[in-house]
C-alpha atoms as a PDB file:
ATOM      1  CA  UNK A   1      16.368  46.930 -29.908  1.00  0.00           C
ATOM      2  CA  UNK A   2      12.740  46.108 -29.252  1.00  0.00           C
ATOM      3  CA  UNK A   3       9.591  46.797 -31.248  1.00  0.00           C
ATOM      4  CA  UNK A   4       7.015  44.786 -29.265  1.00  0.00           C
ATOM      5  CA  UNK A   5       7.200  44.535 -25.478  1.00  0.00           C
ATOM      6  CA  UNK A   6       6.461  41.329 -23.496  1.00  0.00           C
ATOM      7  CA  UNK A   7       2.800  42.359 -23.143  1.00  0.00           C
ATOM      8  CA  UNK A   8       2.391  42.617 -26.908  1.00  0.00           C
ATOM      9  CA  UNK A   9       2.356  46.417 -27.041  1.00  0.00           C
ATOM     10  CA  UNK A  10       4.209  48.525 -29.587  1.00  0.00           C
ATOM     11  CA  UNK A  11       7.388  49.803 -27.951  1.00  0.00           C
ATOM     12  CA  UNK A  12      10.966  50.625 -28.737  1.00  0.00           C
ATOM     13  CA  UNK A  13      10.692  54.421 -28.749  1.00  0.00           C
ATOM     14  CA  UNK A  14      12.936  56.196 -31.224  1.00  0.00           C
ATOM     15  CA  UNK A  15      14.511  53.648 -33.516  1.00  0.00           C
ATOM     16  CA  UNK A  16      15.733  53.504 -37.087  1.00  0.00           C
ATOM     17  CA  UNK A  17      13.983  50.170 -37.541  1.00  0.00           C
ATOM     18  CA  UNK A  18      10.453  49.942 -38.879  1.00  0.00           C
ATOM     19  CA  UNK A  19       7.760  47.500 -37.865  1.00  0.00           C
ATOM     20  CA  UNK A  20       7.569  44.623 -40.382  1.00  0.00           C
ATOM     21  CA  UNK A  21       4.411  44.309 -42.432  1.00  0.00           C
ATOM     22  CA  UNK A  22       1.417  42.395 -41.161  1.00  0.00           C
ATOM     23  CA  UNK A  23       1.853  39.532 -43.619  1.00  0.00           C
ATOM     24  CA  UNK A  24       5.448  38.951 -42.476  1.00  0.00           C
ATOM     25  CA  UNK A  25       4.407  38.968 -38.817  1.00  0.00           C
ATOM     26  CA  UNK A  26       1.515  36.546 -39.355  1.00  0.00           C
ATOM     27  CA  UNK A  27       3.826  34.259 -41.296  1.00  0.00           C
ATOM     28  CA  UNK A  28       6.295  34.409 -38.414  1.00  0.00           C
ATOM     29  CA  UNK A  29       3.552  33.600 -35.906  1.00  0.00           C
ATOM     30  CA  UNK A  30       2.503  30.506 -37.851  1.00  0.00           C
ATOM     31  CA  UNK A  31       6.119  29.336 -37.968  1.00  0.00           C
ATOM     32  CA  UNK A  32       6.528  29.960 -34.231  1.00  0.00           C
ATOM     33  CA  UNK A  33       3.512  27.807 -33.421  1.00  0.00           C
ATOM     34  CA  UNK A  34       4.830  25.036 -35.665  1.00  0.00           C
ATOM     35  CA  UNK A  35       8.297  25.268 -34.131  1.00  0.00           C
ATOM     36  CA  UNK A  36       6.988  24.964 -30.569  1.00  0.00           C
ATOM     37  CA  UNK A  37       4.862  21.955 -31.478  1.00  0.00           C
ATOM     38  CA  UNK A  38       7.754  20.225 -33.264  1.00  0.00           C
ATOM     39  CA  UNK A  39       9.973  20.890 -30.260  1.00  0.00           C
ATOM     40  CA  UNK A  40       7.469  19.159 -27.967  1.00  0.00           C
ATOM     41  CA  UNK A  41       7.147  16.294 -30.450  1.00  0.00           C
ATOM     42  CA  UNK A  42      10.919  15.829 -30.592  1.00  0.00           C
ATOM     43  CA  UNK A  43      11.099  15.616 -26.806  1.00  0.00           C
ATOM     44  CA  UNK A  44       8.434  12.910 -26.855  1.00  0.00           C
ATOM     45  CA  UNK A  45      10.366  10.998 -29.524  1.00  0.00           C
ATOM     46  CA  UNK A  46      13.455  11.060 -27.309  1.00  0.00           C
ATOM     47  CA  UNK A  47      11.484   9.479 -24.476  1.00  0.00           C
ATOM     48  CA  UNK A  48      10.214   6.831 -26.901  1.00  0.00           C
ATOM     49  CA  UNK A  49      13.750   5.982 -27.998  1.00  0.00           C
ATOM     50  CA  UNK A  50      13.233   7.294 -31.539  1.00  0.00           C
ATOM     51  CA  UNK A  51      15.758  10.109 -31.121  1.00  0.00           C
ATOM     52  CA  UNK A  52      19.099   9.689 -29.410  1.00  0.00           C
ATOM     53  CA  UNK A  53      19.284  13.294 -28.224  1.00  0.00           C
ATOM     54  CA  UNK A  54      17.454  16.573 -28.775  1.00  0.00           C
ATOM     55  CA  UNK A  55      18.625  20.146 -28.060  1.00  0.00           C
ATOM     56  CA  UNK A  56      15.509  22.110 -27.163  1.00  0.00           C
ATOM     57  CA  UNK A  57      14.690  25.375 -28.914  1.00  0.00           C
ATOM     58  CA  UNK A  58      11.802  26.229 -26.562  1.00  0.00           C
ATOM     59  CA  UNK A  59      11.909  29.978 -25.988  1.00  0.00           C
ATOM     60  CA  UNK A  60      14.324  30.655 -28.841  1.00  0.00           C
ATOM     61  CA  UNK A  61      11.931  30.014 -31.718  1.00  0.00           C
ATOM     62  CA  UNK A  62      11.656  33.679 -32.716  1.00  0.00           C
ATOM     63  CA  UNK A  63      15.387  33.855 -33.397  1.00  0.00           C
ATOM     64  CA  UNK A  64      15.334  30.817 -35.626  1.00  0.00           C
ATOM     65  CA  UNK A  65      12.163  31.662 -37.515  1.00  0.00           C
ATOM     66  CA  UNK A  66      13.340  35.219 -38.211  1.00  0.00           C
ATOM     67  CA  UNK A  67      16.777  34.046 -39.360  1.00  0.00           C
ATOM     68  CA  UNK A  68      15.178  31.833 -41.991  1.00  0.00           C
ATOM     69  CA  UNK A  69      12.438  34.249 -42.981  1.00  0.00           C
ATOM     70  CA  UNK A  70      14.697  37.208 -43.880  1.00  0.00           C
ATOM     71  CA  UNK A  71      16.704  35.170 -46.400  1.00  0.00           C
ATOM     72  CA  UNK A  72      16.043  34.948 -50.109  1.00  0.00           C
ATOM     73  CA  UNK A  73      15.926  31.588 -51.875  1.00  0.00           C
ATOM     74  CA  UNK A  74      19.486  32.065 -53.181  1.00  0.00           C
ATOM     75  CA  UNK A  75      20.926  32.742 -49.707  1.00  0.00           C
ATOM     76  CA  UNK A  76      22.534  30.189 -47.389  1.00  0.00           C
ATOM     77  CA  UNK A  77      21.704  29.295 -43.792  1.00  0.00           C
ATOM     78  CA  UNK A  78      24.352  27.712 -41.535  1.00  0.00           C
ATOM     79  CA  UNK A  79      22.574  26.361 -38.437  1.00  0.00           C
ATOM     80  CA  UNK A  80      23.799  24.866 -35.169  1.00  0.00           C
ATOM     81  CA  UNK A  81      22.559  21.658 -33.566  1.00  0.00           C
ATOM     82  CA  UNK A  82      19.861  23.672 -31.758  1.00  0.00           C
ATOM     83  CA  UNK A  83      18.478  25.319 -34.887  1.00  0.00           C
ATOM     84  CA  UNK A  84      16.012  22.672 -36.054  1.00  0.00           C
ATOM     85  CA  UNK A  85      13.286  25.323 -36.182  1.00  0.00           C
ATOM     86  CA  UNK A  86      15.393  27.461 -38.531  1.00  0.00           C
ATOM     87  CA  UNK A  87      15.939  24.577 -40.936  1.00  0.00           C
ATOM     88  CA  UNK A  88      12.219  23.712 -40.918  1.00  0.00           C
ATOM     89  CA  UNK A  89      11.253  27.362 -41.407  1.00  0.00           C
ATOM     90  CA  UNK A  90      13.585  27.354 -44.398  1.00  0.00           C
ATOM     91  CA  UNK A  91      11.492  24.556 -45.895  1.00  0.00           C
ATOM     92  CA  UNK A  92      13.387  21.402 -44.915  1.00  0.00           C
ATOM     93  CA  UNK A  93      11.227  18.412 -43.969  1.00  0.00           C
ATOM     94  CA  UNK A  94      11.429  18.019 -40.149  1.00  0.00           C
ATOM     95  CA  UNK A  95      11.843  14.257 -40.539  1.00  0.00           C
ATOM     96  CA  UNK A  96      14.961  14.860 -42.614  1.00  0.00           C
ATOM     97  CA  UNK A  97      16.254  17.433 -40.125  1.00  0.00           C
ATOM     98  CA  UNK A  98      15.874  15.093 -37.151  1.00  0.00           C
ATOM     99  CA  UNK A  99      17.462  12.085 -38.855  1.00  0.00           C
ATOM    100  CA  UNK A 100      20.859  13.445 -37.742  1.00  0.00           C
ATOM    101  CA  UNK A 101      19.744  13.349 -34.098  1.00  0.00           C
ATOM    102  CA  UNK A 102      18.306   9.886 -34.590  1.00  0.00           C
ATOM    103  CA  UNK A 103      21.731   8.642 -35.658  1.00  0.00           C
ATOM    104  CA  UNK A 104      20.688   7.016 -38.936  1.00  0.00           C
ATOM    105  CA  UNK A 105      22.844   9.051 -41.278  1.00  0.00           C
ATOM    106  CA  UNK A 106      25.326  11.923 -41.449  1.00  0.00           C
ATOM    107  CA  UNK A 107      22.677  14.412 -42.497  1.00  0.00           C
ATOM    108  CA  UNK A 108      19.133  13.661 -43.508  1.00  0.00           C
ATOM    109  CA  UNK A 109      18.703  16.365 -46.135  1.00  0.00           C
ATOM    110  CA  UNK A 110      20.391  17.692 -49.247  1.00  0.00           C
ATOM    111  CA  UNK A 111      22.050  20.995 -48.227  1.00  0.00           C
ATOM    112  CA  UNK A 112      21.833  22.371 -51.760  1.00  0.00           C
ATOM    113  CA  UNK A 113      18.085  21.889 -52.121  1.00  0.00           C
ATOM    114  CA  UNK A 114      17.147  24.590 -49.597  1.00  0.00           C
ATOM    115  CA  UNK A 115      20.593  26.179 -49.154  1.00  0.00           C
ATOM    116  CA  UNK A 116      20.771  24.890 -45.553  1.00  0.00           C
ATOM    117  CA  UNK A 117      24.134  23.538 -44.414  1.00  0.00           C
ATOM    118  CA  UNK A 118      24.200  20.415 -42.215  1.00  0.00           C
ATOM    119  CA  UNK A 119      23.550  21.173 -38.559  1.00  0.00           C
ATOM    120  CA  UNK A 120      26.872  21.530 -36.758  1.00  0.00           C
ATOM    121  CA  UNK A 121      27.449  19.850 -33.407  1.00  0.00           C
ATOM    122  CA  UNK A 122      30.980  21.215 -32.727  1.00  0.00           C
ATOM    123  CA  UNK A 123      30.823  24.806 -31.520  1.00  0.00           C
ATOM    124  CA  UNK A 124      31.618  27.518 -34.091  1.00  0.00           C
ATOM    125  CA  UNK A 125      33.120  25.284 -36.789  1.00  0.00           C
ATOM    126  CA  UNK A 126      30.229  26.119 -39.128  1.00  0.00           C
ATOM    127  CA  UNK A 127      31.105  29.823 -38.960  1.00  0.00           C
ATOM    128  CA  UNK A 128      34.322  29.313 -40.900  1.00  0.00           C
ATOM    129  CA  UNK A 129      32.443  27.288 -43.506  1.00  0.00           C
ATOM    130  CA  UNK A 130      29.800  30.014 -43.721  1.00  0.00           C
ATOM    131  CA  UNK A 131      32.404  32.697 -44.325  1.00  0.00           C
ATOM    132  CA  UNK A 132      34.011  30.522 -46.990  1.00  0.00           C
ATOM    133  CA  UNK A 133      30.705  30.207 -48.847  1.00  0.00           C
ATOM    134  CA  UNK A 134      30.088  33.953 -48.553  1.00  0.00           C
ATOM    135  CA  UNK A 135      33.600  34.778 -49.769  1.00  0.00           C
ATOM    136  CA  UNK A 136      33.242  32.387 -52.699  1.00  0.00           C
ATOM    137  CA  UNK A 137      29.903  33.951 -53.661  1.00  0.00           C
ATOM    138  CA  UNK A 138      31.480  37.397 -53.653  1.00  0.00           C
ATOM    139  CA  UNK A 139      34.393  36.247 -55.810  1.00  0.00           C
ATOM    140  CA  UNK A 140      31.948  34.740 -58.303  1.00  0.00           C
ATOM    141  CA  UNK A 141      29.843  37.892 -58.376  1.00  0.00           C
ATOM    142  CA  UNK A 142      26.795  36.146 -56.964  1.00  0.00           C
ATOM    143  CA  UNK A 143      24.079  38.074 -55.153  1.00  0.00           C
ATOM    144  CA  UNK A 144      24.194  35.783 -52.114  1.00  0.00           C
ATOM    145  CA  UNK A 145      24.127  36.420 -48.354  1.00  0.00           C
ATOM    146  CA  UNK A 146      25.013  33.836 -45.709  1.00  0.00           C
ATOM    147  CA  UNK A 147      23.334  33.668 -42.284  1.00  0.00           C
ATOM    148  CA  UNK A 148      25.842  32.146 -39.834  1.00  0.00           C
ATOM    149  CA  UNK A 149      24.125  31.094 -36.597  1.00  0.00           C
ATOM    150  CA  UNK A 150      25.756  30.295 -33.267  1.00  0.00           C
ATOM    151  CA  UNK A 151      25.184  30.482 -29.533  1.00  0.00           C
ATOM    152  CA  UNK A 152      26.888  32.527 -26.828  1.00  0.00           C
ATOM    153  CA  UNK A 153      29.176  29.611 -25.987  1.00  0.00           C
ATOM    154  CA  UNK A 154      30.537  29.649 -29.539  1.00  0.00           C
ATOM    155  CA  UNK A 155      31.874  33.173 -29.022  1.00  0.00           C
ATOM    156  CA  UNK A 156      34.402  31.666 -26.595  1.00  0.00           C
ATOM    157  CA  UNK A 157      35.821  29.488 -29.376  1.00  0.00           C
ATOM    158  CA  UNK A 158      38.732  30.518 -31.578  1.00  0.00           C
ATOM    159  CA  UNK A 159      36.797  29.647 -34.738  1.00  0.00           C
ATOM    160  CA  UNK A 160      34.338  32.450 -33.985  1.00  0.00           C
ATOM    161  CA  UNK A 161      37.080  35.074 -33.924  1.00  0.00           C
ATOM    162  CA  UNK A 162      38.853  33.672 -36.965  1.00  0.00           C
ATOM    163  CA  UNK A 163      35.612  33.707 -38.917  1.00  0.00           C
ATOM    164  CA  UNK A 164      34.850  37.288 -37.871  1.00  0.00           C
ATOM    165  CA  UNK A 165      38.310  38.510 -38.792  1.00  0.00           C
ATOM    166  CA  UNK A 166      38.382  36.738 -42.169  1.00  0.00           C
ATOM    167  CA  UNK A 167      34.888  37.998 -43.046  1.00  0.00           C
ATOM    168  CA  UNK A 168      35.842  41.576 -42.188  1.00  0.00           C
ATOM    169  CA  UNK A 169      39.160  41.544 -44.057  1.00  0.00           C
ATOM    170  CA  UNK A 170      37.639  40.034 -47.191  1.00  0.00           C
ATOM    171  CA  UNK A 171      34.354  41.961 -46.949  1.00  0.00           C
ATOM    172  CA  UNK A 172      32.305  38.767 -47.040  1.00  0.00           C
ATOM    173  CA  UNK A 173      28.491  39.104 -47.238  1.00  0.00           C
ATOM    174  CA  UNK A 174      27.749  37.191 -44.045  1.00  0.00           C
ATOM    175  CA  UNK A 175      25.538  37.929 -41.030  1.00  0.00           C
ATOM    176  CA  UNK A 176      26.853  36.474 -37.773  1.00  0.00           C
ATOM    177  CA  UNK A 177      23.784  35.776 -35.655  1.00  0.00           C
ATOM    178  CA  UNK A 178      24.504  34.976 -32.009  1.00  0.00           C
ATOM    179  CA  UNK A 179      21.633  33.557 -29.962  1.00  0.00           C
ATOM    180  CA  UNK A 180      22.650  34.509 -26.450  1.00  0.00           C
ATOM    181  CA  UNK A 181      20.533  32.220 -24.273  1.00  0.00           C
ATOM    182  CA  UNK A 182      22.738  32.996 -21.233  1.00  0.00           C
ATOM    183  CA  UNK A 183      24.255  29.525 -20.849  1.00  0.00           C
ATOM    184  CA  UNK A 184      26.908  27.505 -22.672  1.00  0.00           C
ATOM    185  CA  UNK A 185      25.532  24.262 -21.239  1.00  0.00           C
ATOM    186  CA  UNK A 186      26.177  24.985 -17.532  1.00  0.00           C
ATOM    187  CA  UNK A 187      28.523  27.962 -17.940  1.00  0.00           C
ATOM    188  CA  UNK A 188      26.744  31.337 -17.575  1.00  0.00           C
ATOM    189  CA  UNK A 189      27.652  34.238 -19.836  1.00  0.00           C
ATOM    190  CA  UNK A 190      29.342  36.077 -16.958  1.00  0.00           C
ATOM    191  CA  UNK A 191      31.967  33.319 -16.847  1.00  0.00           C
ATOM    192  CA  UNK A 192      32.623  33.656 -20.576  1.00  0.00           C
ATOM    193  CA  UNK A 193      33.090  37.380 -21.077  1.00  0.00           C
ATOM    194  CA  UNK A 194      33.081  40.739 -19.282  1.00  0.00           C
ATOM    195  CA  UNK A 195      32.253  42.658 -22.457  1.00  0.00           C
ATOM    196  CA  UNK A 196      29.154  44.904 -22.167  1.00  0.00           C
ATOM    197  CA  UNK A 197      27.454  42.680 -24.720  1.00  0.00           C
ATOM    198  CA  UNK A 198      28.350  40.069 -27.316  1.00  0.00           C
ATOM    199  CA  UNK A 199      27.467  42.637 -29.982  1.00  0.00           C
ATOM    200  CA  UNK A 200      30.580  44.510 -28.847  1.00  0.00           C
ATOM    201  CA  UNK A 201      32.709  41.605 -30.070  1.00  0.00           C
ATOM    202  CA  UNK A 202      32.571  43.028 -33.577  1.00  0.00           C
ATOM    203  CA  UNK A 203      34.390  46.244 -32.641  1.00  0.00           C
ATOM    204  CA  UNK A 204      37.850  44.693 -32.684  1.00  0.00           C
ATOM    205  CA  UNK A 205      37.288  43.386 -36.197  1.00  0.00           C
ATOM    206  CA  UNK A 206      35.643  46.447 -37.691  1.00  0.00           C
ATOM    207  CA  UNK A 207      32.301  44.666 -37.886  1.00  0.00           C
ATOM    208  CA  UNK A 208      29.181  46.632 -36.855  1.00  0.00           C
ATOM    209  CA  UNK A 209      27.183  45.003 -34.068  1.00  0.00           C
ATOM    210  CA  UNK A 210      23.561  45.215 -32.993  1.00  0.00           C
ATOM    211  CA  UNK A 211      21.794  43.847 -29.912  1.00  0.00           C
ATOM    212  CA  UNK A 212      18.147  42.868 -30.223  1.00  0.00           C
ATOM    213  CA  UNK A 213      15.447  41.367 -28.021  1.00  0.00           C
ATOM    214  CA  UNK A 214      15.612  37.702 -29.022  1.00  0.00           C
ATOM    215  CA  UNK A 215      12.013  37.043 -27.966  1.00  0.00           C
ATOM    216  CA  UNK A 216      10.600  39.861 -30.109  1.00  0.00           C
ATOM    217  CA  UNK A 217       9.918  38.390 -33.541  1.00  0.00           C
ATOM    218  CA  UNK A 218       9.120  41.792 -35.013  1.00  0.00           C
ATOM    219  CA  UNK A 219      12.423  43.300 -33.887  1.00  0.00           C
ATOM    220  CA  UNK A 220      14.331  40.248 -35.108  1.00  0.00           C
ATOM    221  CA  UNK A 221      12.766  40.409 -38.550  1.00  0.00           C
ATOM    222  CA  UNK A 222      13.595  44.099 -38.799  1.00  0.00           C
ATOM    223  CA  UNK A 223      17.188  43.944 -37.503  1.00  0.00           C
ATOM    224  CA  UNK A 224      18.174  40.751 -39.316  1.00  0.00           C
ATOM    225  CA  UNK A 225      16.444  41.904 -42.482  1.00  0.00           C
ATOM    226  CA  UNK A 226      18.432  45.144 -42.433  1.00  0.00           C
ATOM    227  CA  UNK A 227      21.679  43.252 -41.793  1.00  0.00           C
ATOM    228  CA  UNK A 228      21.004  40.967 -44.763  1.00  0.00           C
ATOM    229  CA  UNK A 229      20.222  43.977 -46.957  1.00  0.00           C
ATOM    230  CA  UNK A 230      23.473  45.717 -45.975  1.00  0.00           C
ATOM    231  CA  UNK A 231      25.512  42.589 -46.633  1.00  0.00           C
ATOM    232  CA  UNK A 232      23.823  42.146 -50.019  1.00  0.00           C
ATOM    233  CA  UNK A 233      24.574  45.773 -50.875  1.00  0.00           C
ATOM    234  CA  UNK A 234      28.296  45.131 -50.415  1.00  0.00           C
ATOM    235  CA  UNK A 235      28.665  46.701 -46.970  1.00  0.00           C
ATOM    236  CA  UNK A 236      30.406  43.642 -45.542  1.00  0.00           C
ATOM    237  CA  UNK A 237      29.649  41.404 -42.563  1.00  0.00           C
ATOM    238  CA  UNK A 238      27.335  42.243 -39.665  1.00  0.00           C
ATOM    239  CA  UNK A 239      27.109  40.913 -36.100  1.00  0.00           C
ATOM    240  CA  UNK A 240      23.698  40.584 -34.452  1.00  0.00           C
ATOM    241  CA  UNK A 241      23.271  39.409 -30.865  1.00  0.00           C
ATOM    242  CA  UNK A 242      19.805  38.262 -29.823  1.00  0.00           C
ATOM    243  CA  UNK A 243      19.235  38.157 -26.064  1.00  0.00           C
ATOM    244  CA  UNK A 244      16.955  35.206 -25.372  1.00  0.00           C
ATOM    245  CA  UNK A 245      16.739  32.303 -22.936  1.00  0.00           C
ATOM    246  CA  UNK A 246      16.905  28.529 -23.084  1.00  0.00           C
ATOM    247  CA  UNK A 247      13.751  27.537 -21.226  1.00  0.00           C
ATOM    248  CA  UNK A 248      14.540  23.825 -21.109  1.00  0.00           C
ATOM    249  CA  UNK A 249      17.706  21.869 -20.446  1.00  0.00           C
ATOM    250  CA  UNK A 250      20.667  21.980 -22.831  1.00  0.00           C
ATOM    251  CA  UNK A 251      19.585  18.565 -24.135  1.00  0.00           C
ATOM    252  CA  UNK A 252      17.555  15.704 -22.724  1.00  0.00           C
ATOM    253  CA  UNK A 253      20.832  14.412 -21.222  1.00  0.00           C
ATOM    254  CA  UNK A 254      21.342  17.589 -19.167  1.00  0.00           C
ATOM    255  CA  UNK A 255      20.120  18.395 -15.653  1.00  0.00           C
ATOM    256  CA  UNK A 256      19.664  22.171 -15.717  1.00  0.00           C
ATOM    257  CA  UNK A 257      18.605  22.282 -12.054  1.00  0.00           C
ATOM    258  CA  UNK A 258      22.252  21.777 -11.105  1.00  0.00           C
ATOM    259  CA  UNK A 259      23.300  25.198 -12.350  1.00  0.00           C
ATOM    260  CA  UNK A 260      20.238  27.477 -12.412  1.00  0.00           C
ATOM    261  CA  UNK A 261      17.234  28.208 -10.224  1.00  0.00           C
ATOM    262  CA  UNK A 262      13.564  27.652 -11.093  1.00  0.00           C
ATOM    263  CA  UNK A 263      12.813  31.302 -10.292  1.00  0.00           C
ATOM    264  CA  UNK A 264      15.198  32.376 -13.039  1.00  0.00           C
ATOM    265  CA  UNK A 265      13.375  30.243 -15.572  1.00  0.00           C
ATOM    266  CA  UNK A 266       9.940  31.438 -14.416  1.00  0.00           C
ATOM    267  CA  UNK A 267      10.982  35.049 -14.943  1.00  0.00           C
ATOM    268  CA  UNK A 268      11.284  34.376 -18.671  1.00  0.00           C
ATOM    269  CA  UNK A 269       7.852  32.763 -19.067  1.00  0.00           C
ATOM    270  CA  UNK A 270       6.165  36.145 -19.464  1.00  0.00           C
ATOM    271  CA  UNK A 271       8.625  37.024 -22.246  1.00  0.00           C
ATOM    272  CA  UNK A 272       7.538  34.063 -24.373  1.00  0.00           C
ATOM    273  CA  UNK A 273       7.898  34.963 -28.062  1.00  0.00           C
ATOM    274  CA  UNK A 274       4.658  33.263 -29.136  1.00  0.00           C
ATOM    275  CA  UNK A 275       2.285  34.846 -26.629  1.00  0.00           C
ATOM    276  CA  UNK A 276       3.955  38.224 -27.191  1.00  0.00           C
ATOM    277  CA  UNK A 277       3.475  38.189 -30.957  1.00  0.00           C
ATOM    278  CA  UNK A 278      -0.023  36.748 -30.669  1.00  0.00           C
ATOM    279  CA  UNK A 279      -1.057  39.572 -28.345  1.00  0.00           C
ATOM    280  CA  UNK A 280       0.313  42.178 -30.734  1.00  0.00           C
ATOM    281  CA  UNK A 281      -1.335  40.640 -33.803  1.00  0.00           C
ATOM    282  CA  UNK A 282      -4.687  40.348 -32.051  1.00  0.00           C
ATOM    283  CA  UNK A 283      -4.419  43.975 -30.971  1.00  0.00           C
ATOM    284  CA  UNK A 284      -3.789  45.005 -34.568  1.00  0.00           C
ATOM    285  CA  UNK A 285      -6.708  42.961 -35.882  1.00  0.00           C
ATOM    286  CA  UNK A 286      -4.352  40.685 -37.811  1.00  0.00           C
ATOM    287  CA  UNK A 287      -5.148  37.492 -35.898  1.00  0.00           C
ATOM    288  CA  UNK A 288      -8.346  35.944 -34.546  1.00  0.00           C
ATOM    289  CA  UNK A 289      -9.436  32.697 -32.891  1.00  0.00           C
ATOM    290  CA  UNK A 290     -10.116  30.992 -36.209  1.00  0.00           C
ATOM    291  CA  UNK A 291      -6.614  31.724 -37.493  1.00  0.00           C
ATOM    292  CA  UNK A 292      -5.007  30.631 -34.226  1.00  0.00           C
ATOM    293  CA  UNK A 293      -6.893  27.341 -34.428  1.00  0.00           C
ATOM    294  CA  UNK A 294      -5.914  26.852 -38.076  1.00  0.00           C
ATOM    295  CA  UNK A 295      -2.217  27.420 -37.364  1.00  0.00           C
ATOM    296  CA  UNK A 296      -2.357  25.039 -34.405  1.00  0.00           C
ATOM    297  CA  UNK A 297      -3.971  22.373 -36.582  1.00  0.00           C
ATOM    298  CA  UNK A 298      -1.300  22.772 -39.258  1.00  0.00           C
ATOM    299  CA  UNK A 299       1.385  22.456 -36.575  1.00  0.00           C
ATOM    300  CA  UNK A 300      -0.292  19.284 -35.325  1.00  0.00           C
ATOM    301  CA  UNK A 301      -0.358  17.882 -38.856  1.00  0.00           C
ATOM    302  CA  UNK A 302       3.371  18.468 -39.246  1.00  0.00           C
ATOM    303  CA  UNK A 303       4.028  16.944 -35.824  1.00  0.00           C
ATOM    304  CA  UNK A 304       2.103  13.816 -36.867  1.00  0.00           C
ATOM    305  CA  UNK A 305       4.109  13.665 -40.097  1.00  0.00           C
ATOM    306  CA  UNK A 306       7.316  13.905 -38.074  1.00  0.00           C
ATOM    307  CA  UNK A 307       6.187  11.255 -35.596  1.00  0.00           C
ATOM    308  CA  UNK A 308       5.231   8.842 -38.347  1.00  0.00           C
ATOM    309  CA  UNK A 309       8.424   9.438 -40.288  1.00  0.00           C
ATOM    310  CA  UNK A 310      10.702   8.831 -37.329  1.00  0.00           C
ATOM    311  CA  UNK A 311       8.774   5.782 -36.182  1.00  0.00           C
ATOM    312  CA  UNK A 312       9.805   3.931 -39.334  1.00  0.00           C
ATOM    313  CA  UNK A 313      12.541   1.412 -38.583  1.00  0.00           C
ATOM    314  CA  UNK A 314      15.550   1.759 -40.838  1.00  0.00           C
ATOM    315  CA  UNK A 315      17.648  -1.242 -41.818  1.00  0.00           C
ATOM    316  CA  UNK A 316      21.265  -0.024 -41.784  1.00  0.00           C
ATOM    317  CA  UNK A 317      23.562  -1.074 -44.595  1.00  0.00           C
ATOM    318  CA  UNK A 318      27.074  -1.797 -43.229  1.00  0.00           C
ATOM    319  CA  UNK A 319      28.542  -1.033 -46.642  1.00  0.00           C
ATOM    320  CA  UNK A 320      27.551   2.605 -46.143  1.00  0.00           C
ATOM    321  CA  UNK A 321      30.473   2.810 -43.711  1.00  0.00           C
ATOM    322  CA  UNK A 322      32.780   2.647 -46.704  1.00  0.00           C
ATOM    323  CA  UNK A 323      30.668   3.798 -49.630  1.00  0.00           C
ATOM    324  CA  UNK A 324      30.951   7.555 -49.094  1.00  0.00           C
ATOM    325  CA  UNK A 325      34.440   8.017 -47.661  1.00  0.00           C
ATOM    326  CA  UNK A 326      36.275   8.538 -50.960  1.00  0.00           C
ATOM    327  CA  UNK A 327      35.040   9.042 -54.525  1.00  0.00           C
ATOM    328  CA  UNK A 328      37.485   6.300 -55.497  1.00  0.00           C
ATOM    329  CA  UNK A 329      37.874   3.780 -52.637  1.00  0.00           C
ATOM    330  CA  UNK A 330      41.440   3.163 -51.514  1.00  0.00           C
ATOM    331  CA  UNK A 331      42.839  -0.380 -51.376  1.00  0.00           C
ATOM    332  CA  UNK A 332      42.776  -0.221 -47.571  1.00  0.00           C
ATOM    333  CA  UNK A 333      39.117   0.800 -47.589  1.00  0.00           C
ATOM    334  CA  UNK A 334      38.223  -2.027 -49.960  1.00  0.00           C
ATOM    335  CA  UNK A 335      40.044  -4.466 -47.698  1.00  0.00           C
ATOM    336  CA  UNK A 336      38.147  -3.232 -44.646  1.00  0.00           C
ATOM    337  CA  UNK A 337      34.814  -3.446 -46.491  1.00  0.00           C
ATOM    338  CA  UNK A 338      35.562  -7.015 -47.540  1.00  0.00           C
ATOM    339  CA  UNK A 339      36.444  -7.901 -43.957  1.00  0.00           C
ATOM    340  CA  UNK A 340      33.133  -6.570 -42.643  1.00  0.00           C
ATOM    341  CA  UNK A 341      31.185  -8.385 -45.367  1.00  0.00           C
ATOM    342  CA  UNK A 342      32.999 -11.607 -44.540  1.00  0.00           C
ATOM    343  CA  UNK A 343      32.117 -11.273 -40.856  1.00  0.00           C
ATOM    344  CA  UNK A 344      28.464 -10.651 -41.725  1.00  0.00           C
ATOM    345  CA  UNK A 345      28.402 -13.679 -44.038  1.00  0.00           C
ATOM    346  CA  UNK A 346      29.912 -15.948 -41.410  1.00  0.00           C
ATOM    347  CA  UNK A 347      27.282 -14.842 -38.907  1.00  0.00           C
ATOM    348  CA  UNK A 348      24.536 -15.803 -41.341  1.00  0.00           C
ATOM    349  CA  UNK A 349      23.533 -12.284 -42.226  1.00  0.00           C
ATOM    350  CA  UNK A 350      24.834 -12.027 -45.775  1.00  0.00           C
ATOM    351  CA  UNK A 351      23.210  -9.184 -47.687  1.00  0.00           C
END
């Protein structure tokens, strides 16, 4: 499904989906610009040694922004390690989001504050947790929808299928959102499945599936918004596949030139989600040079905030290794904590 073509023109032909309102599209554009700038900033922080690793979202920003934007405040978002932009679009401070990738702490933000679960590094494990939250909300009679995000590689994991089946059987209000960027690290989609699309994966579980242009923010807002509305209305889980592309390497530790050609990457440049939406908004008289400049300046301000926040040296507390393992520490844990403290004291670094 597509509403705006790569040149920024209204397209899609006959479709049951309506074009989102101008305010929603402008809001999405601003978030896209911020997401791209934060992505570039994170890459720079990796090179400076301030982040240990960073999974780029360049080219996939529309998926992440739309996923966050269609949710209500009471809804939950379950992101992957690549979904920093989704967490930020949901209102989480980017410094707190990136703390996980810096290695300072287990998760840098309170999941309950913005209803954003910790970013999951293992593939597909968060989907089971997402379904559990959705099922619990339904049992409690809460008007809550859960957005469960994953990549195409996650659909090759057993957890994906277990989560889909459980959600369908128990009619859980969850939207499974697959960002198909064509590669599970170095493994192309053709080596993962021969299904016509990943949206077809829902058929075996009785879950309706939809395939959408993952670089078309307008289409994403419309399709994901409708899926959330259906789930909230008690119509059960939905599966949405967004076809997009990972423009940069899997992470800064990956050499993407070993498994794909430069020409393949260049072919996706003209499908960039930011330039596409900007062209459409300008054509509709909803965006001008002054607004573009203002959104770029706000993105730069947030990038500076992120840079400053992550450039602060943190003094680790060795006792944190033991402090949050159990509510009531076990005798073994107390013994281990005492041993570490003794070693620190003998080395002249008593706290």
